Amino acid sequence: MSDNVYQEKLMEHFKNSKYRKTIENPDFSSGQQNPSCGDSILIEGKFENKNSDQLKIKELGFSGSGCVVSQASASMLLQSCIGKTPEEILNIGKDDIVKLVGIPLGPNRIKCALLSLEALKAAFKKN
């Protein structure tokens, strides 16, 4: 896909994310802030199969403020994580996020794009 298509996808997630919401009675939550630019994110979620060995993400939501990259990448990440296990989330890396965003990102924008992943991983590490 061309950069224009990815940019349109980013803007769509930024403007109309179905994941920008509060989760009632979340099973997990975690927030992160980027001190260099002020972007902030809070991720909340619920599990399905809570009483089994097959714990999976059932619902995710985020709130926060910041640039298009930080907020749109949060939406894109959460969309891709529904149905995954915490272990699968902990194995997501920087390259996966860059691929998900789909456009070249400089060092400062990489931090913005990774903010939601850091928050999501932190939620699982503290639970």
C-alpha atoms as a PDB file:
ATOM      1  CA  MET A   1       0.000   0.000   0.000  1.00  0.00           C
ATOM      2  CA  SER A   2       1.126   3.540  -0.623  1.00  0.00           C
ATOM      3  CA  ASP A   3       1.956   5.997   2.150  1.00  0.00           C
ATOM      4  CA  ASN A   4      -1.205   7.935   1.256  1.00  0.00           C
ATOM      5  CA  VAL A   5      -3.375   4.911   1.963  1.00  0.00           C
ATOM      6  CA  TYR A   6      -1.650   4.398   5.320  1.00  0.00           C
ATOM      7  CA  GLN A   7      -1.992   8.102   6.142  1.00  0.00           C
ATOM      8  CA  GLU A   8      -5.713   7.898   5.399  1.00  0.00           C
ATOM      9  CA  LYS A   9      -5.945   4.814   7.607  1.00  0.00           C
ATOM     10  CA  LEU A  10      -4.156   6.684  10.419  1.00  0.00           C
ATOM     11  CA  MET A  11      -6.509   9.651  10.132  1.00  0.00           C
ATOM     12  CA  GLU A  12      -9.556   7.378  10.123  1.00  0.00           C
ATOM     13  CA  HIS A  13      -8.403   5.698  13.351  1.00  0.00           C
ATOM     14  CA  PHE A  14      -7.578   9.094  14.864  1.00  0.00           C
ATOM     15  CA  LYS A  15     -10.935  10.672  14.039  1.00  0.00           C
ATOM     16  CA  ASN A  16     -13.307   7.715  14.369  1.00  0.00           C
ATOM     17  CA  SER A  17     -11.780   5.093  16.622  1.00  0.00           C
ATOM     18  CA  LYS A  18     -14.297   2.633  18.003  1.00  0.00           C
ATOM     19  CA  TYR A  19     -11.741   1.874  20.727  1.00  0.00           C
ATOM     20  CA  ARG A  20     -11.751   5.388  22.215  1.00  0.00           C
ATOM     21  CA  LYS A  21     -13.999   4.480  25.121  1.00  0.00           C
ATOM     22  CA  THR A  22     -14.062   3.690  28.808  1.00  0.00           C
ATOM     23  CA  ILE A  23     -14.418   0.056  29.825  1.00  0.00           C
ATOM     24  CA  GLU A  24     -16.845  -0.488  32.677  1.00  0.00           C
ATOM     25  CA  ASN A  25     -15.308  -2.574  35.487  1.00  0.00           C
ATOM     26  CA  PRO A  26     -12.071  -3.365  33.607  1.00  0.00           C
ATOM     27  CA  ASP A  27      -9.996  -6.418  34.479  1.00  0.00           C
ATOM     28  CA  PHE A  28      -6.821  -4.465  33.741  1.00  0.00           C
ATOM     29  CA  SER A  29      -5.705  -0.916  33.057  1.00  0.00           C
ATOM     30  CA  SER A  30      -2.485   0.992  32.646  1.00  0.00           C
ATOM     31  CA  GLY A  31      -1.435   4.462  31.615  1.00  0.00           C
ATOM     32  CA  GLN A  32       1.697   5.850  30.026  1.00  0.00           C
ATOM     33  CA  GLN A  33       2.934   9.307  29.185  1.00  0.00           C
ATOM     34  CA  ASN A  34       5.588  10.483  26.745  1.00  0.00           C
ATOM     35  CA  PRO A  35       7.507  13.155  28.663  1.00  0.00           C
ATOM     36  CA  SER A  36       9.170  14.549  25.554  1.00  0.00           C
ATOM     37  CA  CYS A  37       5.922  15.511  23.794  1.00  0.00           C
ATOM     38  CA  GLY A  38       3.174  15.224  26.397  1.00  0.00           C
ATOM     39  CA  ASP A  39       1.180  12.441  24.721  1.00  0.00           C
ATOM     40  CA  SER A  40      -0.723  10.330  27.229  1.00  0.00           C
ATOM     41  CA  ILE A  41      -2.718   7.133  27.033  1.00  0.00           C
ATOM     42  CA  LEU A  42      -4.800   5.003  29.384  1.00  0.00           C
ATOM     43  CA  ILE A  43      -5.709   1.512  28.231  1.00  0.00           C
ATOM     44  CA  GLU A  44      -8.405  -0.601  29.865  1.00  0.00           C
ATOM     45  CA  GLY A  45      -9.670  -4.041  29.048  1.00  0.00           C
ATOM     46  CA  LYS A  46     -11.590  -7.157  29.928  1.00  0.00           C
ATOM     47  CA  PHE A  47     -10.755 -10.814  29.563  1.00  0.00           C
ATOM     48  CA  GLU A  48     -12.881 -13.726  28.433  1.00  0.00           C
ATOM     49  CA  ASN A  49     -12.344 -17.220  29.815  1.00  0.00           C
ATOM     50  CA  LYS A  50     -11.204 -15.723  33.139  1.00  0.00           C
ATOM     51  CA  ASN A  51     -11.418 -19.050  34.932  1.00  0.00           C
ATOM     52  CA  SER A  52      -9.459 -21.101  32.424  1.00  0.00           C
ATOM     53  CA  ASP A  53      -5.962 -21.471  31.052  1.00  0.00           C
ATOM     54  CA  GLN A  54      -7.122 -19.823  27.813  1.00  0.00           C
ATOM     55  CA  LEU A  55      -7.267 -16.215  29.034  1.00  0.00           C
ATOM     56  CA  LYS A  56      -7.956 -13.945  26.046  1.00  0.00           C
ATOM     57  CA  ILE A  57      -8.700 -10.283  25.540  1.00  0.00           C
ATOM     58  CA  LYS A  58     -12.422  -9.707  25.046  1.00  0.00           C
ATOM     59  CA  GLU A  59     -12.703  -5.912  25.081  1.00  0.00           C
ATOM     60  CA  LEU A  60     -10.302  -2.960  24.955  1.00  0.00           C
ATOM     61  CA  GLY A  61     -10.625   0.782  25.174  1.00  0.00           C
ATOM     62  CA  PHE A  62      -8.384   3.793  25.497  1.00  0.00           C
ATOM     63  CA  SER A  63      -8.483   7.424  26.465  1.00  0.00           C
ATOM     64  CA  GLY A  64      -5.812  10.032  26.185  1.00  0.00           C
ATOM     65  CA  SER A  65      -4.497  12.953  24.271  1.00  0.00           C
ATOM     66  CA  GLY A  66      -1.695  13.541  21.859  1.00  0.00           C
ATOM     67  CA  CYS A  67      -0.629  13.524  18.266  1.00  0.00           C
ATOM     68  CA  VAL A  68      -2.241  11.614  15.424  1.00  0.00           C
ATOM     69  CA  VAL A  69       0.443   8.913  15.569  1.00  0.00           C
ATOM     70  CA  SER A  70       0.034   8.151  19.282  1.00  0.00           C
ATOM     71  CA  GLN A  71      -3.755   8.134  19.250  1.00  0.00           C
ATOM     72  CA  ALA A  72      -4.253   6.354  15.915  1.00  0.00           C
ATOM     73  CA  SER A  73      -1.633   3.709  16.685  1.00  0.00           C
ATOM     74  CA  ALA A  74      -3.443   3.029  19.979  1.00  0.00           C
ATOM     75  CA  SER A  75      -6.650   2.392  18.062  1.00  0.00           C
ATOM     76  CA  MET A  76      -4.880   0.196  15.508  1.00  0.00           C
ATOM     77  CA  LEU A  77      -3.072  -1.785  18.205  1.00  0.00           C
ATOM     78  CA  LEU A  78      -6.212  -2.415  20.228  1.00  0.00           C
ATOM     79  CA  GLN A  79      -8.083  -3.529  17.127  1.00  0.00           C
ATOM     80  CA  SER A  80      -5.352  -6.078  16.421  1.00  0.00           C
ATOM     81  CA  CYS A  81      -5.269  -7.384  20.011  1.00  0.00           C
ATOM     82  CA  ILE A  82      -8.859  -8.548  20.485  1.00  0.00           C
ATOM     83  CA  GLY A  83      -8.806 -12.318  20.990  1.00  0.00           C
ATOM     84  CA  LYS A  84      -5.104 -12.490  21.853  1.00  0.00           C
ATOM     85  CA  THR A  85      -3.599 -13.825  25.049  1.00  0.00           C
ATOM     86  CA  PRO A  86      -1.504 -11.671  27.384  1.00  0.00           C
ATOM     87  CA  GLU A  87       1.534 -13.719  26.328  1.00  0.00           C
ATOM     88  CA  GLU A  88       0.918 -12.855  22.675  1.00  0.00           C
ATOM     89  CA  ILE A  89       0.690  -9.162  23.589  1.00  0.00           C
ATOM     90  CA  LEU A  90       3.946  -9.303  25.541  1.00  0.00           C
ATOM     91  CA  ASN A  91       5.638 -10.658  22.401  1.00  0.00           C
ATOM     92  CA  ILE A  92       4.589  -7.714  20.209  1.00  0.00           C
ATOM     93  CA  GLY A  93       7.605  -5.556  19.405  1.00  0.00           C
ATOM     94  CA  LYS A  94       8.612  -2.285  17.836  1.00  0.00           C
ATOM     95  CA  ASP A  95       8.767  -3.771  14.330  1.00  0.00           C
ATOM     96  CA  ASP A  96       5.194  -5.039  14.668  1.00  0.00           C
ATOM     97  CA  ILE A  97       3.966  -1.538  15.533  1.00  0.00           C
ATOM     98  CA  VAL A  98       5.910   0.062  12.670  1.00  0.00           C
ATOM     99  CA  LYS A  99       4.338  -2.476  10.304  1.00  0.00           C
ATOM    100  CA  LEU A 100       0.891  -1.826  11.763  1.00  0.00           C
ATOM    101  CA  VAL A 101       1.216   1.961  11.335  1.00  0.00           C
ATOM    102  CA  GLY A 102       2.545   1.474   7.831  1.00  0.00           C
ATOM    103  CA  ILE A 103       4.429   4.730   7.275  1.00  0.00           C
ATOM    104  CA  PRO A 104       8.043   5.653   7.987  1.00  0.00           C
ATOM    105  CA  LEU A 105       8.450   7.059  11.488  1.00  0.00           C
ATOM    106  CA  GLY A 106      11.358   9.085  12.830  1.00  0.00           C
ATOM    107  CA  PRO A 107      12.784   8.526  16.332  1.00  0.00           C
ATOM    108  CA  ASN A 108      10.337  10.891  18.041  1.00  0.00           C
ATOM    109  CA  ARG A 109       7.297   9.471  16.262  1.00  0.00           C
ATOM    110  CA  ILE A 110       8.364   5.909  17.096  1.00  0.00           C
ATOM    111  CA  LYS A 111       8.026   6.840  20.778  1.00  0.00           C
ATOM    112  CA  CYS A 112       4.527   8.133  20.051  1.00  0.00           C
ATOM    113  CA  ALA A 113       3.575   4.953  18.193  1.00  0.00           C
ATOM    114  CA  LEU A 114       4.908   2.696  20.970  1.00  0.00           C
ATOM    115  CA  LEU A 115       3.147   4.490  23.833  1.00  0.00           C
ATOM    116  CA  SER A 116       0.007   2.336  23.715  1.00  0.00           C
ATOM    117  CA  LEU A 117       2.011  -0.884  23.456  1.00  0.00           C
ATOM    118  CA  GLU A 118       4.030   0.116  26.524  1.00  0.00           C
ATOM    119  CA  ALA A 119       0.813   0.806  28.438  1.00  0.00           C
ATOM    120  CA  LEU A 120      -0.768  -2.487  27.404  1.00  0.00           C
ATOM    121  CA  LYS A 121       2.323  -4.497  28.306  1.00  0.00           C
ATOM    122  CA  ALA A 122       2.590  -2.698  31.659  1.00  0.00           C
ATOM    123  CA  ALA A 123      -0.992  -3.716  32.470  1.00  0.00           C
ATOM    124  CA  PHE A 124      -0.091  -7.386  32.070  1.00  0.00           C
ATOM    125  CA  LYS A 125       3.198  -7.119  33.918  1.00  0.00           C
ATOM    126  CA  LYS A 126       1.518  -5.673  37.012  1.00  0.00           C
ATOM    127  CA  ASN A 127      -1.325  -8.233  37.084  1.00  0.00           C
END
